[in-house]
Amino acid sequence: MTAVKIYTIPTCSDCTFAKRYFKEHNISYEDYNCDENPDYAVEVKKLTGKQIVPTIVIGDQVFVGFAENLKEISDLLKIQ
């Protein structure tokens, strides 16, 4: 199974949606809370050139935002 990392903040509704979606489809993920650890926000900036959450990393692919990337993420994770 491909490792899934998700960079989030607690007040982000798209982050909450992404985590719920992964849980509902039994996709394990590592949650990197940028509010709790500022180093994670620095990682997001290095990955994307922006500071936008959720930033989702699946293998070597980086997605900025969840809802607008849902189809591509689902295809990549082979979620029906």
PDB file of N, CA and C in Angstrom:
ATOM      1  N   MET A   1       0.856  -1.198   0.000  1.00  0.00           N
ATOM      2  CA  MET A   1       0.000   0.000   0.000  1.00  0.00           C
ATOM      3  C   MET A   1       0.888   1.242   0.000  1.00  0.00           C
ATOM      4  N   THR A   2       0.549   2.181  -0.839  1.00  0.00           N
ATOM      5  CA  THR A   2       1.291   3.427  -0.946  1.00  0.00           C
ATOM      6  C   THR A   2       1.072   4.268   0.301  1.00  0.00           C
ATOM      7  N   ALA A   3       2.135   4.824   0.821  1.00  0.00           N
ATOM      8  CA  ALA A   3       2.034   5.686   2.000  1.00  0.00           C
ATOM      9  C   ALA A   3       1.321   6.986   1.629  1.00  0.00           C
ATOM     10  N   VAL A   4       0.411   7.409   2.506  1.00  0.00           N
ATOM     11  CA  VAL A   4      -0.322   8.660   2.300  1.00  0.00           C
ATOM     12  C   VAL A   4       0.018   9.589   3.455  1.00  0.00           C
ATOM     13  N   LYS A   5       0.474  10.792   3.112  1.00  0.00           N
ATOM     14  CA  LYS A   5       0.721  11.833   4.109  1.00  0.00           C
ATOM     15  C   LYS A   5      -0.266  12.955   3.817  1.00  0.00           C
ATOM     16  N   ILE A   6      -0.826  13.519   4.889  1.00  0.00           N
ATOM     17  CA  ILE A   6      -1.711  14.667   4.695  1.00  0.00           C
ATOM     18  C   ILE A   6      -1.322  15.761   5.687  1.00  0.00           C
ATOM     19  N   TYR A   7      -1.020  16.925   5.141  1.00  0.00           N
ATOM     20  CA  TYR A   7      -0.677  18.091   5.951  1.00  0.00           C
ATOM     21  C   TYR A   7      -1.960  18.877   6.169  1.00  0.00           C
ATOM     22  N   THR A   8      -2.291  19.143   7.434  1.00  0.00           N
ATOM     23  CA  THR A   8      -3.585  19.732   7.774  1.00  0.00           C
ATOM     24  C   THR A   8      -3.462  20.815   8.837  1.00  0.00           C
ATOM     25  N   ILE A   9      -4.584  21.514   9.050  1.00  0.00           N
ATOM     26  CA  ILE A   9      -4.805  22.317  10.256  1.00  0.00           C
ATOM     27  C   ILE A   9      -6.215  21.966  10.742  1.00  0.00           C
ATOM     28  N   PRO A  10      -6.457  22.078  12.046  1.00  0.00           N
ATOM     29  CA  PRO A  10      -7.744  21.641  12.598  1.00  0.00           C
ATOM     30  C   PRO A  10      -8.977  22.374  12.064  1.00  0.00           C
ATOM     31  N   THR A  11      -8.829  23.620  11.630  1.00  0.00           N
ATOM     32  CA  THR A  11      -9.987  24.408  11.202  1.00  0.00           C
ATOM     33  C   THR A  11     -10.296  24.281   9.712  1.00  0.00           C
ATOM     34  N   CYS A  12      -9.581  23.429   9.012  1.00  0.00           N
ATOM     35  CA  CYS A  12      -9.731  23.285   7.557  1.00  0.00           C
ATOM     36  C   CYS A  12     -10.793  22.233   7.235  1.00  0.00           C
ATOM     37  N   SER A  13     -11.889  22.650   6.602  1.00  0.00           N
ATOM     38  CA  SER A  13     -12.973  21.707   6.297  1.00  0.00           C
ATOM     39  C   SER A  13     -12.566  20.714   5.212  1.00  0.00           C
ATOM     40  N   ASP A  14     -11.759  21.127   4.236  1.00  0.00           N
ATOM     41  CA  ASP A  14     -11.301  20.213   3.194  1.00  0.00           C
ATOM     42  C   ASP A  14     -10.375  19.141   3.797  1.00  0.00           C
ATOM     43  N   CYS A  15      -9.599  19.533   4.815  1.00  0.00           N
ATOM     44  CA  CYS A  15      -8.729  18.577   5.526  1.00  0.00           C
ATOM     45  C   CYS A  15      -9.584  17.527   6.227  1.00  0.00           C
ATOM     46  N   THR A  16     -10.623  17.973   6.915  1.00  0.00           N
ATOM     47  CA  THR A  16     -11.521  17.074   7.631  1.00  0.00           C
ATOM     48  C   THR A  16     -12.199  16.123   6.655  1.00  0.00           C
ATOM     49  N   PHE A  17     -12.649  16.653   5.526  1.00  0.00           N
ATOM     50  CA  PHE A  17     -13.286  15.840   4.481  1.00  0.00           C
ATOM     51  C   PHE A  17     -12.316  14.764   3.979  1.00  0.00           C
ATOM     52  N   ALA A  18     -11.067  15.151   3.724  1.00  0.00           N
ATOM     53  CA  ALA A  18     -10.063  14.212   3.217  1.00  0.00           C
ATOM     54  C   ALA A  18      -9.811  13.092   4.215  1.00  0.00           C
ATOM     55  N   LYS A  19      -9.628  13.444   5.474  1.00  0.00           N
ATOM     56  CA  LYS A  19      -9.355  12.426   6.497  1.00  0.00           C
ATOM     57  C   LYS A  19     -10.548  11.486   6.660  1.00  0.00           C
ATOM     58  N   ARG A  20     -11.757  12.034   6.634  1.00  0.00           N
ATOM     59  CA  ARG A  20     -12.959  11.188   6.741  1.00  0.00           C
ATOM     60  C   ARG A  20     -13.051  10.245   5.539  1.00  0.00           C
ATOM     61  N   TYR A  21     -12.768  10.770   4.351  1.00  0.00           N
ATOM     62  CA  TYR A  21     -12.803   9.968   3.129  1.00  0.00           C
ATOM     63  C   TYR A  21     -11.807   8.807   3.223  1.00  0.00           C
ATOM     64  N   PHE A  22     -10.594   9.099   3.650  1.00  0.00           N
ATOM     65  CA  PHE A  22      -9.581   8.042   3.785  1.00  0.00           C
ATOM     66  C   PHE A  22     -10.026   6.988   4.803  1.00  0.00           C
ATOM     67  N   LYS A  23     -10.565   7.435   5.942  1.00  0.00           N
ATOM     68  CA  LYS A  23     -11.033   6.486   6.965  1.00  0.00           C
ATOM     69  C   LYS A  23     -12.152   5.602   6.422  1.00  0.00           C
ATOM     70  N   GLU A  24     -13.111   6.220   5.737  1.00  0.00           N
ATOM     71  CA  GLU A  24     -14.251   5.466   5.195  1.00  0.00           C
ATOM     72  C   GLU A  24     -13.814   4.424   4.171  1.00  0.00           C
ATOM     73  N   HIS A  25     -12.686   4.651   3.505  1.00  0.00           N
ATOM     74  CA  HIS A  25     -12.196   3.726   2.487  1.00  0.00           C
ATOM     75  C   HIS A  25     -11.005   2.901   2.983  1.00  0.00           C
ATOM     76  N   ASN A  26     -10.824   2.895   4.318  1.00  0.00           N
ATOM     77  CA  ASN A  26      -9.751   2.104   4.937  1.00  0.00           C
ATOM     78  C   ASN A  26      -8.372   2.380   4.349  1.00  0.00           C
ATOM     79  N   ILE A  27      -8.115   3.656   4.074  1.00  0.00           N
ATOM     80  CA  ILE A  27      -6.801   4.083   3.594  1.00  0.00           C
ATOM     81  C   ILE A  27      -6.052   4.647   4.797  1.00  0.00           C
ATOM     82  N   SER A  28      -4.957   3.999   5.154  1.00  0.00           N
ATOM     83  CA  SER A  28      -4.190   4.528   6.288  1.00  0.00           C
ATOM     84  C   SER A  28      -3.388   5.737   5.813  1.00  0.00           C
ATOM     85  N   TYR A  29      -3.258   6.699   6.705  1.00  0.00           N
ATOM     86  CA  TYR A  29      -2.544   7.925   6.369  1.00  0.00           C
ATOM     87  C   TYR A  29      -1.850   8.461   7.605  1.00  0.00           C
ATOM     88  N   GLU A  30      -0.858   9.274   7.378  1.00  0.00           N
ATOM     89  CA  GLU A  30      -0.146   9.966   8.434  1.00  0.00           C
ATOM     90  C   GLU A  30      -0.605  11.414   8.391  1.00  0.00           C
ATOM     91  N   ASP A  31      -1.109  11.913   9.522  1.00  0.00           N
ATOM     92  CA  ASP A  31      -1.608  13.289   9.600  1.00  0.00           C
ATOM     93  C   ASP A  31      -0.512  14.193  10.165  1.00  0.00           C
ATOM     94  N   TYR A  32      -0.155  15.216   9.404  1.00  0.00           N
ATOM     95  CA  TYR A  32       0.862  16.177   9.826  1.00  0.00           C
ATOM     96  C   TYR A  32       0.151  17.504  10.121  1.00  0.00           C
ATOM     97  N   ASN A  33      -0.082  17.770  11.398  1.00  0.00           N
ATOM     98  CA  ASN A  33      -0.818  18.958  11.824  1.00  0.00           C
ATOM     99  C   ASN A  33       0.133  20.156  11.858  1.00  0.00           C
ATOM    100  N   CYS A  34      -0.057  21.072  10.915  1.00  0.00           N
ATOM    101  CA  CYS A  34       0.815  22.237  10.778  1.00  0.00           C
ATOM    102  C   CYS A  34       0.655  23.230  11.932  1.00  0.00           C
ATOM    103  N   ASP A  35      -0.488  23.203  12.627  1.00  0.00           N
ATOM    104  CA  ASP A  35      -0.673  24.064  13.800  1.00  0.00           C
ATOM    105  C   ASP A  35       0.172  23.577  14.972  1.00  0.00           C
ATOM    106  N   GLU A  36       0.255  22.253  15.121  1.00  0.00           N
ATOM    107  CA  GLU A  36       0.999  21.682  16.243  1.00  0.00           C
ATOM    108  C   GLU A  36       2.502  21.723  16.016  1.00  0.00           C
ATOM    109  N   ASN A  37       2.923  21.623  14.754  1.00  0.00           N
ATOM    110  CA  ASN A  37       4.349  21.594  14.453  1.00  0.00           C
ATOM    111  C   ASN A  37       4.644  22.492  13.247  1.00  0.00           C
ATOM    112  N   PRO A  38       5.203  23.678  13.500  1.00  0.00           N
ATOM    113  CA  PRO A  38       5.490  24.618  12.409  1.00  0.00           C
ATOM    114  C   PRO A  38       6.440  24.058  11.351  1.00  0.00           C
ATOM    115  N   ASP A  39       7.242  23.048  11.698  1.00  0.00           N
ATOM    116  CA  ASP A  39       8.134  22.431  10.708  1.00  0.00           C
ATOM    117  C   ASP A  39       7.336  21.821   9.560  1.00  0.00           C
ATOM    118  N   TYR A  40       6.121  21.353   9.848  1.00  0.00           N
ATOM    119  CA  TYR A  40       5.286  20.771   8.797  1.00  0.00           C
ATOM    120  C   TYR A  40       4.882  21.826   7.778  1.00  0.00           C
ATOM    121  N   ALA A  41       4.602  23.038   8.252  1.00  0.00           N
ATOM    122  CA  ALA A  41       4.258  24.133   7.333  1.00  0.00           C
ATOM    123  C   ALA A  41       5.440  24.442   6.420  1.00  0.00           C
ATOM    124  N   VAL A  42       6.648  24.339   6.948  1.00  0.00           N
ATOM    125  CA  VAL A  42       7.857  24.547   6.149  1.00  0.00           C
ATOM    126  C   VAL A  42       7.965  23.445   5.087  1.00  0.00           C
ATOM    127  N   GLU A  43       7.656  22.199   5.472  1.00  0.00           N
ATOM    128  CA  GLU A  43       7.677  21.088   4.514  1.00  0.00           C
ATOM    129  C   GLU A  43       6.685  21.336   3.375  1.00  0.00           C
ATOM    130  N   VAL A  44       5.474  21.811   3.719  1.00  0.00           N
ATOM    131  CA  VAL A  44       4.457  22.102   2.698  1.00  0.00           C
ATOM    132  C   VAL A  44       4.991  23.149   1.720  1.00  0.00           C
ATOM    133  N   LYS A  45       5.610  24.183   2.247  1.00  0.00           N
ATOM    134  CA  LYS A  45       6.164  25.255   1.404  1.00  0.00           C
ATOM    135  C   LYS A  45       7.233  24.691   0.465  1.00  0.00           C
ATOM    136  N   LYS A  46       8.078  23.779   0.972  1.00  0.00           N
ATOM    137  CA  LYS A  46       9.121  23.170   0.138  1.00  0.00           C
ATOM    138  C   LYS A  46       8.508  22.276  -0.941  1.00  0.00           C
ATOM    139  N   LEU A  47       7.445  21.555  -0.579  1.00  0.00           N
ATOM    140  CA  LEU A  47       6.802  20.632  -1.522  1.00  0.00           C
ATOM    141  C   LEU A  47       6.048  21.357  -2.633  1.00  0.00           C
ATOM    142  N   THR A  48       5.384  22.466  -2.272  1.00  0.00           N
ATOM    143  CA  THR A  48       4.435  23.086  -3.199  1.00  0.00           C
ATOM    144  C   THR A  48       4.777  24.515  -3.603  1.00  0.00           C
ATOM    145  N   GLY A  49       5.644  25.155  -2.837  1.00  0.00           N
ATOM    146  CA  GLY A  49       5.916  26.573  -3.076  1.00  0.00           C
ATOM    147  C   GLY A  49       4.830  27.455  -2.482  1.00  0.00           C
ATOM    148  N   LYS A  50       3.867  26.829  -1.810  1.00  0.00           N
ATOM    149  CA  LYS A  50       2.738  27.544  -1.204  1.00  0.00           C
ATOM    150  C   LYS A  50       2.554  27.048   0.221  1.00  0.00           C
ATOM    151  N   GLN A  51       1.665  27.709   0.942  1.00  0.00           N
ATOM    152  CA  GLN A  51       1.301  27.226   2.273  1.00  0.00           C
ATOM    153  C   GLN A  51      -0.201  26.980   2.274  1.00  0.00           C
ATOM    154  N   ILE A  52      -0.585  25.903   1.619  1.00  0.00           N
ATOM    155  CA  ILE A  52      -1.999  25.563   1.476  1.00  0.00           C
ATOM    156  C   ILE A  52      -2.225  24.158   2.016  1.00  0.00           C
ATOM    157  N   VAL A  53      -3.281  24.024   2.822  1.00  0.00           N
ATOM    158  CA  VAL A  53      -3.691  22.706   3.302  1.00  0.00           C
ATOM    159  C   VAL A  53      -5.102  22.430   2.805  1.00  0.00           C
ATOM    160  N   PRO A  54      -5.469  21.180   2.623  1.00  0.00           N
ATOM    161  CA  PRO A  54      -4.574  20.055   2.809  1.00  0.00           C
ATOM    162  C   PRO A  54      -3.598  19.931   1.635  1.00  0.00           C
ATOM    163  N   THR A  55      -2.385  19.541   1.978  1.00  0.00           N
ATOM    164  CA  THR A  55      -1.429  19.089   0.979  1.00  0.00           C
ATOM    165  C   THR A  55      -1.303  17.598   1.209  1.00  0.00           C
ATOM    166  N   ILE A  56      -1.518  16.829   0.175  1.00  0.00           N
ATOM    167  CA  ILE A  56      -1.549  15.370   0.282  1.00  0.00           C
ATOM    168  C   ILE A  56      -0.422  14.801  -0.565  1.00  0.00           C
ATOM    169  N   VAL A  57       0.374  13.931   0.049  1.00  0.00           N
ATOM    170  CA  VAL A  57       1.491  13.300  -0.645  1.00  0.00           C
ATOM    171  C   VAL A  57       1.213  11.798  -0.691  1.00  0.00           C
ATOM    172  N   ILE A  58       1.164  11.273  -1.909  1.00  0.00           N
ATOM    173  CA  ILE A  58       0.943   9.836  -2.114  1.00  0.00           C
ATOM    174  C   ILE A  58       2.093   9.350  -2.983  1.00  0.00           C
ATOM    175  N   GLY A  59       2.983   8.573  -2.379  1.00  0.00           N
ATOM    176  CA  GLY A  59       4.179   8.160  -3.105  1.00  0.00           C
ATOM    177  C   GLY A  59       4.979   9.389  -3.479  1.00  0.00           C
ATOM    178  N   ASP A  60       5.196   9.592  -4.777  1.00  0.00           N
ATOM    179  CA  ASP A  60       5.956  10.772  -5.222  1.00  0.00           C
ATOM    180  C   ASP A  60       5.052  11.852  -5.810  1.00  0.00           C
ATOM    181  N   GLN A  61       3.730  11.692  -5.626  1.00  0.00           N
ATOM    182  CA  GLN A  61       2.788  12.692  -6.147  1.00  0.00           C
ATOM    183  C   GLN A  61       2.325  13.614  -5.035  1.00  0.00           C
ATOM    184  N   VAL A  62       2.223  14.904  -5.347  1.00  0.00           N
ATOM    185  CA  VAL A  62       1.804  15.914  -4.380  1.00  0.00           C
ATOM    186  C   VAL A  62       0.530  16.578  -4.895  1.00  0.00           C
ATOM    187  N   PHE A  63      -0.483  16.622  -4.026  1.00  0.00           N
ATOM    188  CA  PHE A  63      -1.761  17.260  -4.366  1.00  0.00           C
ATOM    189  C   PHE A  63      -2.005  18.412  -3.411  1.00  0.00           C
ATOM    190  N   VAL A  64      -2.358  19.567  -3.964  1.00  0.00           N
ATOM    191  CA  VAL A  64      -2.715  20.725  -3.145  1.00  0.00           C
ATOM    192  C   VAL A  64      -4.229  20.823  -3.166  1.00  0.00           C
ATOM    193  N   GLY A  65      -4.842  20.585  -2.017  1.00  0.00           N
ATOM    194  CA  GLY A  65      -6.298  20.537  -1.928  1.00  0.00           C
ATOM    195  C   GLY A  65      -6.787  19.113  -2.112  1.00  0.00           C
ATOM    196  N   PHE A  66      -7.978  18.838  -1.581  1.00  0.00           N
ATOM    197  CA  PHE A  66      -8.518  17.485  -1.688  1.00  0.00           C
ATOM    198  C   PHE A  66      -9.692  17.406  -2.655  1.00  0.00           C
ATOM    199  N   ALA A  67     -10.715  18.205  -2.421  1.00  0.00           N
ATOM    200  CA  ALA A  67     -11.947  18.095  -3.222  1.00  0.00           C
ATOM    201  C   ALA A  67     -11.667  18.212  -4.718  1.00  0.00           C
ATOM    202  N   GLU A  68     -10.828  19.171  -5.104  1.00  0.00           N
ATOM    203  CA  GLU A  68     -10.551  19.375  -6.529  1.00  0.00           C
ATOM    204  C   GLU A  68      -9.652  18.284  -7.118  1.00  0.00           C
ATOM    205  N   ASN A  69      -9.034  17.470  -6.260  1.00  0.00           N
ATOM    206  CA  ASN A  69      -8.163  16.381  -6.718  1.00  0.00           C
ATOM    207  C   ASN A  69      -8.742  15.004  -6.395  1.00  0.00           C
ATOM    208  N   LEU A  70      -9.999  14.961  -5.967  1.00  0.00           N
ATOM    209  CA  LEU A  70     -10.614  13.722  -5.496  1.00  0.00           C
ATOM    210  C   LEU A  70     -10.537  12.589  -6.520  1.00  0.00           C
ATOM    211  N   LYS A  71     -10.877  12.863  -7.768  1.00  0.00           N
ATOM    212  CA  LYS A  71     -10.872  11.795  -8.772  1.00  0.00           C
ATOM    213  C   LYS A  71      -9.473  11.230  -8.969  1.00  0.00           C
ATOM    214  N   GLU A  72      -8.499  12.112  -9.111  1.00  0.00           N
ATOM    215  CA  GLU A  72      -7.122  11.659  -9.328  1.00  0.00           C
ATOM    216  C   GLU A  72      -6.591  10.885  -8.117  1.00  0.00           C
ATOM    217  N   ILE A  73      -6.901  11.369  -6.907  1.00  0.00           N
ATOM    218  CA  ILE A  73      -6.471  10.669  -5.691  1.00  0.00           C
ATOM    219  C   ILE A  73      -7.159   9.300  -5.601  1.00  0.00           C
ATOM    220  N   SER A  74      -8.453   9.250  -5.866  1.00  0.00           N
ATOM    221  CA  SER A  74      -9.194   7.986  -5.820  1.00  0.00           C
ATOM    222  C   SER A  74      -8.634   6.993  -6.840  1.00  0.00           C
ATOM    223  N   ASP A  75      -8.340   7.466  -8.050  1.00  0.00           N
ATOM    224  CA  ASP A  75      -7.766   6.599  -9.079  1.00  0.00           C
ATOM    225  C   ASP A  75      -6.407   6.064  -8.643  1.00  0.00           C
ATOM    226  N   LEU A  76      -5.595   6.951  -8.081  1.00  0.00           N
ATOM    227  CA  LEU A  76      -4.253   6.574  -7.661  1.00  0.00           C
ATOM    228  C   LEU A  76      -4.305   5.513  -6.556  1.00  0.00           C
ATOM    229  N   LEU A  77      -5.266   5.661  -5.638  1.00  0.00           N
ATOM    230  CA  LEU A  77      -5.412   4.720  -4.518  1.00  0.00           C
ATOM    231  C   LEU A  77      -6.316   3.542  -4.862  1.00  0.00           C
ATOM    232  N   LYS A  78      -6.814   3.537  -6.097  1.00  0.00           N
ATOM    233  CA  LYS A  78      -7.707   2.478  -6.576  1.00  0.00           C
ATOM    234  C   LYS A  78      -8.960   2.327  -5.717  1.00  0.00           C
ATOM    235  N   ILE A  79      -9.563   3.485  -5.384  1.00  0.00           N
ATOM    236  CA  ILE A  79     -10.804   3.512  -4.623  1.00  0.00           C
ATOM    237  C   ILE A  79     -11.962   3.562  -5.617  1.00  0.00           C
ATOM    238  N   GLN A  80     -12.919   2.666  -5.451  1.00  0.00           N
ATOM    239  CA  GLN A  80     -14.075   2.618  -6.362  1.00  0.00           C
ATOM    240  C   GLN A  80     -15.138   3.582  -5.896  1.00  0.00           C
TER     241      GLN A  80
END
